[in-house]
Amino acid sequence: MEDMREKIYDLERIGDMVRDIDEEELIDLAELFKVFADSTRIRILYDLFHGGKSVSEICGDISMNQSAVSHQLKILKNAKLVRAERDGKSMIYSLADEHVKTIIAMGKEHIEE
């Protein structure tokens, strides 16, 4: 029963958010979803679900060259979906926050219905 109340609350909150959205927010939201429109970027995000990795680790995991991965990471970083921290000479990339996982999980749930 508690779970159902939480879902109802979430739907009400989402309804309020949709009513209060302005044109600039709509544009920003569309730009965010464009970032998710690339399967390589989704693969990189999935690869970072369990923690931070260097570019070379990501390259090995998703079987892509460093140039291509670095390009996609730049896009993801600009969209504030990943963050980078220096570790010696290399950069470690990780998901920016838990919202990224939630967005992907909700999208996955939607396509599986």
PDB file of N, CA and C in Angstrom:
ATOM      1  N   MET A   1       0.819  -1.194   0.000  1.00  0.00           N
ATOM      2  CA  MET A   1       0.000   0.000   0.000  1.00  0.00           C
ATOM      3  C   MET A   1       0.869   1.266   0.000  1.00  0.00           C
ATOM      4  N   GLU A   2       1.943   1.250   0.800  1.00  0.00           N
ATOM      5  CA  GLU A   2       2.847   2.395   0.864  1.00  0.00           C
ATOM      6  C   GLU A   2       3.468   2.662  -0.503  1.00  0.00           C
ATOM      7  N   ASP A   3       3.825   1.588  -1.220  1.00  0.00           N
ATOM      8  CA  ASP A   3       4.416   1.728  -2.545  1.00  0.00           C
ATOM      9  C   ASP A   3       3.442   2.426  -3.498  1.00  0.00           C
ATOM     10  N   MET A   4       2.176   2.095  -3.408  1.00  0.00           N
ATOM     11  CA  MET A   4       1.149   2.707  -4.248  1.00  0.00           C
ATOM     12  C   MET A   4       1.010   4.197  -3.937  1.00  0.00           C
ATOM     13  N   ARG A   5       1.060   4.563  -2.657  1.00  0.00           N
ATOM     14  CA  ARG A   5       0.993   5.975  -2.278  1.00  0.00           C
ATOM     15  C   ARG A   5       2.168   6.751  -2.843  1.00  0.00           C
ATOM     16  N   GLU A   6       3.349   6.141  -2.797  1.00  0.00           N
ATOM     17  CA  GLU A   6       4.544   6.785  -3.344  1.00  0.00           C
ATOM     18  C   GLU A   6       4.389   7.016  -4.839  1.00  0.00           C
ATOM     19  N   LYS A   7       3.841   6.029  -5.561  1.00  0.00           N
ATOM     20  CA  LYS A   7       3.639   6.178  -6.998  1.00  0.00           C
ATOM     21  C   LYS A   7       2.635   7.288  -7.296  1.00  0.00           C
ATOM     22  N   ILE A   8       1.562   7.356  -6.518  1.00  0.00           N
ATOM     23  CA  ILE A   8       0.559   8.408  -6.719  1.00  0.00           C
ATOM     24  C   ILE A   8       1.189   9.770  -6.468  1.00  0.00           C
ATOM     25  N   TYR A   9       1.965   9.882  -5.390  1.00  0.00           N
ATOM     26  CA  TYR A   9       2.650  11.145  -5.088  1.00  0.00           C
ATOM     27  C   TYR A   9       3.573  11.527  -6.226  1.00  0.00           C
ATOM     28  N   ASP A  10       4.344  10.559  -6.727  1.00  0.00           N
ATOM     29  CA  ASP A  10       5.259  10.836  -7.833  1.00  0.00           C
ATOM     30  C   ASP A  10       4.506  11.328  -9.058  1.00  0.00           C
ATOM     31  N   LEU A  11       3.376  10.716  -9.382  1.00  0.00           N
ATOM     32  CA  LEU A  11       2.590  11.144 -10.539  1.00  0.00           C
ATOM     33  C   LEU A  11       2.055  12.557 -10.350  1.00  0.00           C
ATOM     34  N   GLU A  12       1.611  12.876  -9.133  1.00  0.00           N
ATOM     35  CA  GLU A  12       1.131  14.232  -8.865  1.00  0.00           C
ATOM     36  C   GLU A  12       2.274  15.235  -9.010  1.00  0.00           C
ATOM     37  N   ARG A  13       3.440  14.887  -8.491  1.00  0.00           N
ATOM     38  CA  ARG A  13       4.599  15.772  -8.573  1.00  0.00           C
ATOM     39  C   ARG A  13       5.017  15.968 -10.027  1.00  0.00           C
ATOM     40  N   ILE A  14       5.006  14.909 -10.809  1.00  0.00           N
ATOM     41  CA  ILE A  14       5.351  15.007 -12.230  1.00  0.00           C
ATOM     42  C   ILE A  14       4.336  15.881 -12.950  1.00  0.00           C
ATOM     43  N   GLY A  15       3.062  15.725 -12.623  1.00  0.00           N
ATOM     44  CA  GLY A  15       2.023  16.566 -13.225  1.00  0.00           C
ATOM     45  C   GLY A  15       2.256  18.039 -12.940  1.00  0.00           C
ATOM     46  N   ASP A  16       2.638  18.350 -11.705  1.00  0.00           N
ATOM     47  CA  ASP A  16       2.946  19.744 -11.349  1.00  0.00           C
ATOM     48  C   ASP A  16       4.140  20.250 -12.136  1.00  0.00           C
ATOM     49  N   MET A  17       5.162  19.425 -12.303  1.00  0.00           N
ATOM     50  CA  MET A  17       6.356  19.837 -13.030  1.00  0.00           C
ATOM     51  C   MET A  17       6.029  20.137 -14.488  1.00  0.00           C
ATOM     52  N   VAL A  18       5.195  19.315 -15.101  1.00  0.00           N
ATOM     53  CA  VAL A  18       4.833  19.505 -16.508  1.00  0.00           C
ATOM     54  C   VAL A  18       4.044  20.798 -16.690  1.00  0.00           C
ATOM     55  N   ARG A  19       3.157  21.088 -15.777  1.00  0.00           N
ATOM     56  CA  ARG A  19       2.363  22.328 -15.871  1.00  0.00           C
ATOM     57  C   ARG A  19       3.245  23.562 -15.731  1.00  0.00           C
ATOM     58  N   ASP A  20       4.324  23.464 -14.968  1.00  0.00           N
ATOM     59  CA  ASP A  20       5.152  24.627 -14.659  1.00  0.00           C
ATOM     60  C   ASP A  20       6.355  24.796 -15.589  1.00  0.00           C
ATOM     61  N   ILE A  21       6.451  24.034 -16.655  1.00  0.00           N
ATOM     62  CA  ILE A  21       7.628  24.093 -17.519  1.00  0.00           C
ATOM     63  C   ILE A  21       7.519  25.258 -18.493  1.00  0.00           C
ATOM     64  N   ASP A  22       8.632  25.969 -18.653  1.00  0.00           N
ATOM     65  CA  ASP A  22       8.635  27.086 -19.599  1.00  0.00           C
ATOM     66  C   ASP A  22       9.386  26.688 -20.875  1.00  0.00           C
ATOM     67  N   GLU A  23       9.399  27.574 -21.833  1.00  0.00           N
ATOM     68  CA  GLU A  23       9.981  27.271 -23.153  1.00  0.00           C
ATOM     69  C   GLU A  23      11.466  26.924 -23.057  1.00  0.00           C
ATOM     70  N   GLU A  24      12.205  27.656 -22.251  1.00  0.00           N
ATOM     71  CA  GLU A  24      13.641  27.386 -22.114  1.00  0.00           C
ATOM     72  C   GLU A  24      13.892  25.998 -21.519  1.00  0.00           C
ATOM     73  N   GLU A  25      13.084  25.618 -20.534  1.00  0.00           N
ATOM     74  CA  GLU A  25      13.218  24.287 -19.941  1.00  0.00           C
ATOM     75  C   GLU A  25      12.857  23.197 -20.949  1.00  0.00           C
ATOM     76  N   LEU A  26      11.858  23.449 -21.784  1.00  0.00           N
ATOM     77  CA  LEU A  26      11.503  22.481 -22.823  1.00  0.00           C
ATOM     78  C   LEU A  26      12.675  22.258 -23.786  1.00  0.00           C
ATOM     79  N   ILE A  27      13.333  23.343 -24.152  1.00  0.00           N
ATOM     80  CA  ILE A  27      14.485  23.243 -25.052  1.00  0.00           C
ATOM     81  C   ILE A  27      15.615  22.472 -24.380  1.00  0.00           C
ATOM     82  N   ASP A  28      15.892  22.799 -23.109  1.00  0.00           N
ATOM     83  CA  ASP A  28      16.944  22.095 -22.370  1.00  0.00           C
ATOM     84  C   ASP A  28      16.628  20.604 -22.234  1.00  0.00           C
ATOM     85  N   LEU A  29      15.369  20.286 -21.986  1.00  0.00           N
ATOM     86  CA  LEU A  29      14.953  18.896 -21.856  1.00  0.00           C
ATOM     87  C   LEU A  29      15.119  18.144 -23.175  1.00  0.00           C
ATOM     88  N   ALA A  30      14.748  18.793 -24.269  1.00  0.00           N
ATOM     89  CA  ALA A  30      14.923  18.181 -25.590  1.00  0.00           C
ATOM     90  C   ALA A  30      16.401  17.928 -25.875  1.00  0.00           C
ATOM     91  N   GLU A  31      17.264  18.875 -25.511  1.00  0.00           N
ATOM     92  CA  GLU A  31      18.708  18.696 -25.700  1.00  0.00           C
ATOM     93  C   GLU A  31      19.233  17.530 -24.871  1.00  0.00           C
ATOM     94  N   LEU A  32      18.738  17.398 -23.643  1.00  0.00           N
ATOM     95  CA  LEU A  32      19.153  16.271 -22.799  1.00  0.00           C
ATOM     96  C   LEU A  32      18.778  14.949 -23.452  1.00  0.00           C
ATOM     97  N   PHE A  33      17.550  14.849 -23.942  1.00  0.00           N
ATOM     98  CA  PHE A  33      17.119  13.599 -24.560  1.00  0.00           C
ATOM     99  C   PHE A  33      17.873  13.308 -25.854  1.00  0.00           C
ATOM    100  N   LYS A  34      18.333  14.328 -26.548  1.00  0.00           N
ATOM    101  CA  LYS A  34      19.166  14.105 -27.733  1.00  0.00           C
ATOM    102  C   LYS A  34      20.454  13.382 -27.367  1.00  0.00           C
ATOM    103  N   VAL A  35      21.004  13.697 -26.201  1.00  0.00           N
ATOM    104  CA  VAL A  35      22.231  13.031 -25.750  1.00  0.00           C
ATOM    105  C   VAL A  35      21.982  11.535 -25.561  1.00  0.00           C
ATOM    106  N   PHE A  36      20.803  11.189 -25.079  1.00  0.00           N
ATOM    107  CA  PHE A  36      20.450   9.781 -24.873  1.00  0.00           C
ATOM    108  C   PHE A  36      20.109   9.065 -26.180  1.00  0.00           C
ATOM    109  N   ALA A  37      20.063   9.786 -27.287  1.00  0.00           N
ATOM    110  CA  ALA A  37      19.650   9.208 -28.564  1.00  0.00           C
ATOM    111  C   ALA A  37      20.768   8.457 -29.285  1.00  0.00           C
ATOM    112  N   ASP A  38      21.911   8.311 -28.661  1.00  0.00           N
ATOM    113  CA  ASP A  38      23.047   7.647 -29.300  1.00  0.00           C
ATOM    114  C   ASP A  38      23.376   6.370 -28.527  1.00  0.00           C
ATOM    115  N   SER A  39      23.367   5.229 -29.205  1.00  0.00           N
ATOM    116  CA  SER A  39      23.591   3.948 -28.523  1.00  0.00           C
ATOM    117  C   SER A  39      24.996   3.837 -27.927  1.00  0.00           C
ATOM    118  N   THR A  40      25.981   4.469 -28.536  1.00  0.00           N
ATOM    119  CA  THR A  40      27.337   4.437 -27.968  1.00  0.00           C
ATOM    120  C   THR A  40      27.362   5.153 -26.620  1.00  0.00           C
ATOM    121  N   ARG A  41      26.702   6.287 -26.532  1.00  0.00           N
ATOM    122  CA  ARG A  41      26.666   7.003 -25.259  1.00  0.00           C
ATOM    123  C   ARG A  41      25.926   6.198 -24.199  1.00  0.00           C
ATOM    124  N   ILE A  42      24.866   5.518 -24.580  1.00  0.00           N
ATOM    125  CA  ILE A  42      24.144   4.663 -23.627  1.00  0.00           C
ATOM    126  C   ILE A  42      25.057   3.532 -23.156  1.00  0.00           C
ATOM    127  N   ARG A  43      25.805   2.936 -24.063  1.00  0.00           N
ATOM    128  CA  ARG A  43      26.753   1.872 -23.680  1.00  0.00           C
ATOM    129  C   ARG A  43      27.782   2.390 -22.686  1.00  0.00           C
ATOM    130  N   ILE A  44      28.277   3.589 -22.898  1.00  0.00           N
ATOM    131  CA  ILE A  44      29.249   4.180 -21.971  1.00  0.00           C
ATOM    132  C   ILE A  44      28.593   4.411 -20.613  1.00  0.00           C
ATOM    133  N   LEU A  45      27.393   4.939 -20.597  1.00  0.00           N
ATOM    134  CA  LEU A  45      26.702   5.164 -19.331  1.00  0.00           C
ATOM    135  C   LEU A  45      26.488   3.858 -18.582  1.00  0.00           C
ATOM    136  N   TYR A  46      26.047   2.818 -19.293  1.00  0.00           N
ATOM    137  CA  TYR A  46      25.885   1.503 -18.671  1.00  0.00           C
ATOM    138  C   TYR A  46      27.214   1.009 -18.103  1.00  0.00           C
ATOM    139  N   ASP A  47      28.284   1.241 -18.821  1.00  0.00           N
ATOM    140  CA  ASP A  47      29.603   0.793 -18.377  1.00  0.00           C
ATOM    141  C   ASP A  47      30.025   1.475 -17.078  1.00  0.00           C
ATOM    142  N   LEU A  48      29.510   2.671 -16.843  1.00  0.00           N
ATOM    143  CA  LEU A  48      29.871   3.425 -15.643  1.00  0.00           C
ATOM    144  C   LEU A  48      28.902   3.200 -14.480  1.00  0.00           C
ATOM    145  N   PHE A  49      27.910   2.329 -14.658  1.00  0.00           N
ATOM    146  CA  PHE A  49      26.921   2.082 -13.605  1.00  0.00           C
ATOM    147  C   PHE A  49      27.555   1.637 -12.291  1.00  0.00           C
ATOM    148  N   HIS A  50      28.649   0.905 -12.346  1.00  0.00           N
ATOM    149  CA  HIS A  50      29.232   0.326 -11.130  1.00  0.00           C
ATOM    150  C   HIS A  50      30.479   1.043 -10.658  1.00  0.00           C
ATOM    151  N   GLY A  51      30.710   2.242 -11.167  1.00  0.00           N
ATOM    152  CA  GLY A  51      31.834   3.015 -10.674  1.00  0.00           C
ATOM    153  C   GLY A  51      32.650   3.644 -11.783  1.00  0.00           C
ATOM    154  N   GLY A  52      33.620   4.435 -11.348  1.00  0.00           N
ATOM    155  CA  GLY A  52      34.434   5.191 -12.271  1.00  0.00           C
ATOM    156  C   GLY A  52      35.434   4.354 -13.032  1.00  0.00           C
ATOM    157  N   LYS A  53      35.756   4.817 -14.239  1.00  0.00           N
ATOM    158  CA  LYS A  53      36.711   4.122 -15.105  1.00  0.00           C
ATOM    159  C   LYS A  53      37.488   5.135 -15.925  1.00  0.00           C
ATOM    160  N   SER A  54      38.669   4.728 -16.327  1.00  0.00           N
ATOM    161  CA  SER A  54      39.468   5.553 -17.232  1.00  0.00           C
ATOM    162  C   SER A  54      38.972   5.351 -18.661  1.00  0.00           C
ATOM    163  N   VAL A  55      39.415   6.228 -19.545  1.00  0.00           N
ATOM    164  CA  VAL A  55      39.031   6.108 -20.954  1.00  0.00           C
ATOM    165  C   VAL A  55      39.481   4.758 -21.500  1.00  0.00           C
ATOM    166  N   SER A  56      40.690   4.334 -21.174  1.00  0.00           N
ATOM    167  CA  SER A  56      41.181   3.060 -21.713  1.00  0.00           C
ATOM    168  C   SER A  56      40.365   1.879 -21.194  1.00  0.00           C
ATOM    169  N   GLU A  57      39.904   1.936 -19.957  1.00  0.00           N
ATOM    170  CA  GLU A  57      39.052   0.862 -19.436  1.00  0.00           C
ATOM    171  C   GLU A  57      37.722   0.828 -20.173  1.00  0.00           C
ATOM    172  N   ILE A  58      37.154   1.996 -20.394  1.00  0.00           N
ATOM    173  CA  ILE A  58      35.880   2.072 -21.124  1.00  0.00           C
ATOM    174  C   ILE A  58      36.072   1.531 -22.536  1.00  0.00           C
ATOM    175  N   CYS A  59      37.167   1.934 -23.182  1.00  0.00           N
ATOM    176  CA  CYS A  59      37.456   1.458 -24.544  1.00  0.00           C
ATOM    177  C   CYS A  59      37.483  -0.065 -24.596  1.00  0.00           C
ATOM    178  N   GLY A  60      38.170  -0.668 -23.637  1.00  0.00           N
ATOM    179  CA  GLY A  60      38.246  -2.131 -23.595  1.00  0.00           C
ATOM    180  C   GLY A  60      36.897  -2.766 -23.356  1.00  0.00           C
ATOM    181  N   ASP A  61      36.104  -2.168 -22.475  1.00  0.00           N
ATOM    182  CA  ASP A  61      34.793  -2.734 -22.140  1.00  0.00           C
ATOM    183  C   ASP A  61      33.815  -2.691 -23.299  1.00  0.00           C
ATOM    184  N   ILE A  62      33.845  -1.608 -24.068  1.00  0.00           N
ATOM    185  CA  ILE A  62      32.839  -1.472 -25.135  1.00  0.00           C
ATOM    186  C   ILE A  62      33.436  -1.658 -26.536  1.00  0.00           C
ATOM    187  N   SER A  63      34.707  -2.043 -26.586  1.00  0.00           N
ATOM    188  CA  SER A  63      35.391  -2.346 -27.858  1.00  0.00           C
ATOM    189  C   SER A  63      35.324  -1.196 -28.861  1.00  0.00           C
ATOM    190  N   MET A  64      35.757  -0.029 -28.402  1.00  0.00           N
ATOM    191  CA  MET A  64      35.827   1.143 -29.274  1.00  0.00           C
ATOM    192  C   MET A  64      37.177   1.821 -29.082  1.00  0.00           C
ATOM    193  N   ASN A  65      37.584   2.596 -30.080  1.00  0.00           N
ATOM    194  CA  ASN A  65      38.870   3.276 -29.979  1.00  0.00           C
ATOM    195  C   ASN A  65      38.781   4.502 -29.061  1.00  0.00           C
ATOM    196  N   GLN A  66      39.948   4.946 -28.605  1.00  0.00           N
ATOM    197  CA  GLN A  66      40.012   6.025 -27.627  1.00  0.00           C
ATOM    198  C   GLN A  66      39.447   7.334 -28.157  1.00  0.00           C
ATOM    199  N   SER A  67      39.699   7.635 -29.398  1.00  0.00           N
ATOM    200  CA  SER A  67      39.204   8.874 -29.973  1.00  0.00           C
ATOM    201  C   SER A  67      37.676   8.935 -29.938  1.00  0.00           C
ATOM    202  N   ALA A  68      37.033   7.842 -30.333  1.00  0.00           N
ATOM    203  CA  ALA A  68      35.567   7.793 -30.359  1.00  0.00           C
ATOM    204  C   ALA A  68      34.986   7.885 -28.946  1.00  0.00           C
ATOM    205  N   VAL A  69      35.583   7.159 -28.011  1.00  0.00           N
ATOM    206  CA  VAL A  69      35.093   7.180 -26.632  1.00  0.00           C
ATOM    207  C   VAL A  69      35.291   8.568 -26.015  1.00  0.00           C
ATOM    208  N   SER A  70      36.456   9.157 -26.233  1.00  0.00           N
ATOM    209  CA  SER A  70      36.725  10.493 -25.689  1.00  0.00           C
ATOM    210  C   SER A  70      35.736  11.520 -26.225  1.00  0.00           C
ATOM    211  N   HIS A  71      35.402  11.412 -27.500  1.00  0.00           N
ATOM    212  CA  HIS A  71      34.431  12.324 -28.103  1.00  0.00           C
ATOM    213  C   HIS A  71      33.071  12.188 -27.419  1.00  0.00           C
ATOM    214  N   GLN A  72      32.636  10.950 -27.215  1.00  0.00           N
ATOM    215  CA  GLN A  72      31.333  10.722 -26.581  1.00  0.00           C
ATOM    216  C   GLN A  72      31.351  11.152 -25.114  1.00  0.00           C
ATOM    217  N   LEU A  73      32.457  10.931 -24.429  1.00  0.00           N
ATOM    218  CA  LEU A  73      32.564  11.355 -23.026  1.00  0.00           C
ATOM    219  C   LEU A  73      32.470  12.878 -22.904  1.00  0.00           C
ATOM    220  N   LYS A  74      33.023  13.581 -23.865  1.00  0.00           N
ATOM    221  CA  LYS A  74      32.942  15.044 -23.855  1.00  0.00           C
ATOM    222  C   LYS A  74      31.484  15.486 -23.949  1.00  0.00           C
ATOM    223  N   ILE A  75      30.719  14.850 -24.816  1.00  0.00           N
ATOM    224  CA  ILE A  75      29.296  15.170 -24.966  1.00  0.00           C
ATOM    225  C   ILE A  75      28.545  14.862 -23.668  1.00  0.00           C
ATOM    226  N   LEU A  76      28.836  13.693 -23.085  1.00  0.00           N
ATOM    227  CA  LEU A  76      28.187  13.304 -21.837  1.00  0.00           C
ATOM    228  C   LEU A  76      28.552  14.249 -20.689  1.00  0.00           C
ATOM    229  N   LYS A  77      29.787  14.681 -20.670  1.00  0.00           N
ATOM    230  CA  LYS A  77      30.231  15.610 -19.628  1.00  0.00           C
ATOM    231  C   LYS A  77      29.565  16.975 -19.806  1.00  0.00           C
ATOM    232  N   ASN A  78      29.479  17.463 -21.040  1.00  0.00           N
ATOM    233  CA  ASN A  78      28.816  18.742 -21.309  1.00  0.00           C
ATOM    234  C   ASN A  78      27.339  18.712 -20.922  1.00  0.00           C
ATOM    235  N   ALA A  79      26.733  17.530 -21.023  1.00  0.00           N
ATOM    236  CA  ALA A  79      25.328  17.367 -20.655  1.00  0.00           C
ATOM    237  C   ALA A  79      25.158  17.101 -19.160  1.00  0.00           C
ATOM    238  N   LYS A  80      26.263  17.106 -18.435  1.00  0.00           N
ATOM    239  CA  LYS A  80      26.275  16.875 -16.978  1.00  0.00           C
ATOM    240  C   LYS A  80      25.759  15.493 -16.605  1.00  0.00           C
ATOM    241  N   LEU A  81      26.026  14.517 -17.479  1.00  0.00           N
ATOM    242  CA  LEU A  81      25.648  13.141 -17.193  1.00  0.00           C
ATOM    243  C   LEU A  81      26.812  12.343 -16.626  1.00  0.00           C
ATOM    244  N   VAL A  82      28.022  12.765 -16.928  1.00  0.00           N
ATOM    245  CA  VAL A  82      29.219  12.162 -16.331  1.00  0.00           C
ATOM    246  C   VAL A  82      30.098  13.270 -15.768  1.00  0.00           C
ATOM    247  N   ARG A  83      30.959  12.879 -14.862  1.00  0.00           N
ATOM    248  CA  ARG A  83      31.953  13.812 -14.330  1.00  0.00           C
ATOM    249  C   ARG A  83      33.317  13.153 -14.458  1.00  0.00           C
ATOM    250  N   ALA A  84      34.343  13.972 -14.419  1.00  0.00           N
ATOM    251  CA  ALA A  84      35.710  13.479 -14.553  1.00  0.00           C
ATOM    252  C   ALA A  84      36.544  13.995 -13.389  1.00  0.00           C
ATOM    253  N   GLU A  85      37.358  13.098 -12.842  1.00  0.00           N
ATOM    254  CA  GLU A  85      38.281  13.464 -11.775  1.00  0.00           C
ATOM    255  C   GLU A  85      39.664  12.975 -12.149  1.00  0.00           C
ATOM    256  N   ARG A  86      40.641  13.805 -11.881  1.00  0.00           N
ATOM    257  CA  ARG A  86      42.018  13.438 -12.195  1.00  0.00           C
ATOM    258  C   ARG A  86      42.532  12.428 -11.178  1.00  0.00           C
ATOM    259  N   ASP A  87      43.188  11.387 -11.693  1.00  0.00           N
ATOM    260  CA  ASP A  87      43.855  10.380 -10.862  1.00  0.00           C
ATOM    261  C   ASP A  87      45.257  10.209 -11.428  1.00  0.00           C
ATOM    262  N   GLY A  88      46.187  10.974 -10.904  1.00  0.00           N
ATOM    263  CA  GLY A  88      47.534  10.978 -11.467  1.00  0.00           C
ATOM    264  C   GLY A  88      47.507  11.602 -12.838  1.00  0.00           C
ATOM    265  N   LYS A  89      47.952  10.831 -13.839  1.00  0.00           N
ATOM    266  CA  LYS A  89      47.974  11.338 -15.219  1.00  0.00           C
ATOM    267  C   LYS A  89      46.689  11.064 -15.986  1.00  0.00           C
ATOM    268  N   SER A  90      45.809  10.260 -15.431  1.00  0.00           N
ATOM    269  CA  SER A  90      44.597   9.927 -16.175  1.00  0.00           C
ATOM    270  C   SER A  90      43.360  10.523 -15.532  1.00  0.00           C
ATOM    271  N   MET A  91      42.305  10.534 -16.309  1.00  0.00           N
ATOM    272  CA  MET A  91      41.007  11.015 -15.839  1.00  0.00           C
ATOM    273  C   MET A  91      40.115   9.804 -15.589  1.00  0.00           C
ATOM    274  N   ILE A  92      39.397   9.851 -14.488  1.00  0.00           N
ATOM    275  CA  ILE A  92      38.442   8.801 -14.158  1.00  0.00           C
ATOM    276  C   ILE A  92      37.039   9.378 -14.354  1.00  0.00           C
ATOM    277  N   TYR A  93      36.271   8.710 -15.185  1.00  0.00           N
ATOM    278  CA  TYR A  93      34.916   9.154 -15.493  1.00  0.00           C
ATOM    279  C   TYR A  93      33.916   8.327 -14.688  1.00  0.00           C
ATOM    280  N   SER A  94      32.882   8.994 -14.208  1.00  0.00           N
ATOM    281  CA  SER A  94      31.817   8.317 -13.468  1.00  0.00           C
ATOM    282  C   SER A  94      30.502   9.022 -13.755  1.00  0.00           C
ATOM    283  N   LEU A  95      29.406   8.365 -13.410  1.00  0.00           N
ATOM    284  CA  LEU A  95      28.098   8.990 -13.591  1.00  0.00           C
ATOM    285  C   LEU A  95      28.016  10.215 -12.699  1.00  0.00           C
ATOM    286  N   ALA A  96      27.394  11.259 -13.181  1.00  0.00           N
ATOM    287  CA  ALA A  96      27.307  12.511 -12.434  1.00  0.00           C
ATOM    288  C   ALA A  96      26.486  12.352 -11.158  1.00  0.00           C
ATOM    289  N   ASP A  97      25.418  11.560 -11.225  1.00  0.00           N
ATOM    290  CA  ASP A  97      24.571  11.333 -10.053  1.00  0.00           C
ATOM    291  C   ASP A  97      23.629  10.164 -10.331  1.00  0.00           C
ATOM    292  N   GLU A  98      22.818   9.845  -9.350  1.00  0.00           N
ATOM    293  CA  GLU A  98      21.893   8.705  -9.468  1.00  0.00           C
ATOM    294  C   GLU A  98      20.769   8.962 -10.468  1.00  0.00           C
ATOM    295  N   HIS A  99      20.515  10.232 -10.812  1.00  0.00           N
ATOM    296  CA  HIS A  99      19.463  10.528 -11.787  1.00  0.00           C
ATOM    297  C   HIS A  99      19.731   9.854 -13.122  1.00  0.00           C
ATOM    298  N   VAL A 100      20.995   9.732 -13.483  1.00  0.00           N
ATOM    299  CA  VAL A 100      21.353   9.120 -14.766  1.00  0.00           C
ATOM    300  C   VAL A 100      20.865   7.672 -14.794  1.00  0.00           C
ATOM    301  N   LYS A 101      21.112   6.938 -13.710  1.00  0.00           N
ATOM    302  CA  LYS A 101      20.634   5.555 -13.621  1.00  0.00           C
ATOM    303  C   LYS A 101      19.113   5.501 -13.689  1.00  0.00           C
ATOM    304  N   THR A 102      18.464   6.431 -13.009  1.00  0.00           N
ATOM    305  CA  THR A 102      17.002   6.457 -12.980  1.00  0.00           C
ATOM    306  C   THR A 102      16.425   6.701 -14.372  1.00  0.00           C
ATOM    307  N   ILE A 103      16.995   7.645 -15.096  1.00  0.00           N
ATOM    308  CA  ILE A 103      16.516   7.945 -16.449  1.00  0.00           C
ATOM    309  C   ILE A 103      16.642   6.715 -17.339  1.00  0.00           C
ATOM    310  N   ILE A 104      17.784   6.054 -17.285  1.00  0.00           N
ATOM    311  CA  ILE A 104      17.998   4.866 -18.117  1.00  0.00           C
ATOM    312  C   ILE A 104      17.085   3.734 -17.676  1.00  0.00           C
ATOM    313  N   ALA A 105      16.957   3.528 -16.374  1.00  0.00           N
ATOM    314  CA  ALA A 105      16.087   2.457 -15.867  1.00  0.00           C
ATOM    315  C   ALA A 105      14.637   2.683 -16.277  1.00  0.00           C
ATOM    316  N   MET A 106      14.174   3.932 -16.211  1.00  0.00           N
ATOM    317  CA  MET A 106      12.800   4.228 -16.605  1.00  0.00           C
ATOM    318  C   MET A 106      12.609   4.025 -18.104  1.00  0.00           C
ATOM    319  N   GLY A 107      13.595   4.420 -18.893  1.00  0.00           N
ATOM    320  CA  GLY A 107      13.522   4.198 -20.330  1.00  0.00           C
ATOM    321  C   GLY A 107      13.476   2.713 -20.668  1.00  0.00           C
ATOM    322  N   LYS A 108      14.314   1.941 -19.986  1.00  0.00           N
ATOM    323  CA  LYS A 108      14.347   0.495 -20.207  1.00  0.00           C
ATOM    324  C   LYS A 108      13.012  -0.139 -19.821  1.00  0.00           C
ATOM    325  N   GLU A 109      12.480   0.286 -18.682  1.00  0.00           N
ATOM    326  CA  GLU A 109      11.184  -0.229 -18.250  1.00  0.00           C
ATOM    327  C   GLU A 109      10.106   0.116 -19.267  1.00  0.00           C
ATOM    328  N   HIS A 110      10.146   1.295 -19.813  1.00  0.00           N
ATOM    329  CA  HIS A 110       9.149   1.728 -20.788  1.00  0.00           C
ATOM    330  C   HIS A 110       9.193   0.863 -22.048  1.00  0.00           C
ATOM    331  N   ILE A 111      10.393   0.591 -22.568  1.00  0.00           N
ATOM    332  CA  ILE A 111      10.461  -0.191 -23.812  1.00  0.00           C
ATOM    333  C   ILE A 111      10.146  -1.657 -23.598  1.00  0.00           C
ATOM    334  N   GLU A 112      10.226  -2.118 -22.354  1.00  0.00           N
ATOM    335  CA  GLU A 112       9.917  -3.523 -22.062  1.00  0.00           C
ATOM    336  C   GLU A 112       8.436  -3.772 -21.834  1.00  0.00           C
ATOM    337  N   GLU A 113       7.637  -2.706 -21.729  1.00  0.00           N
ATOM    338  CA  GLU A 113       6.184  -2.876 -21.498  1.00  0.00           C
ATOM    339  C   GLU A 113       5.480  -3.354 -22.731  1.00  0.00           C
TER     340      GLU A 113
END
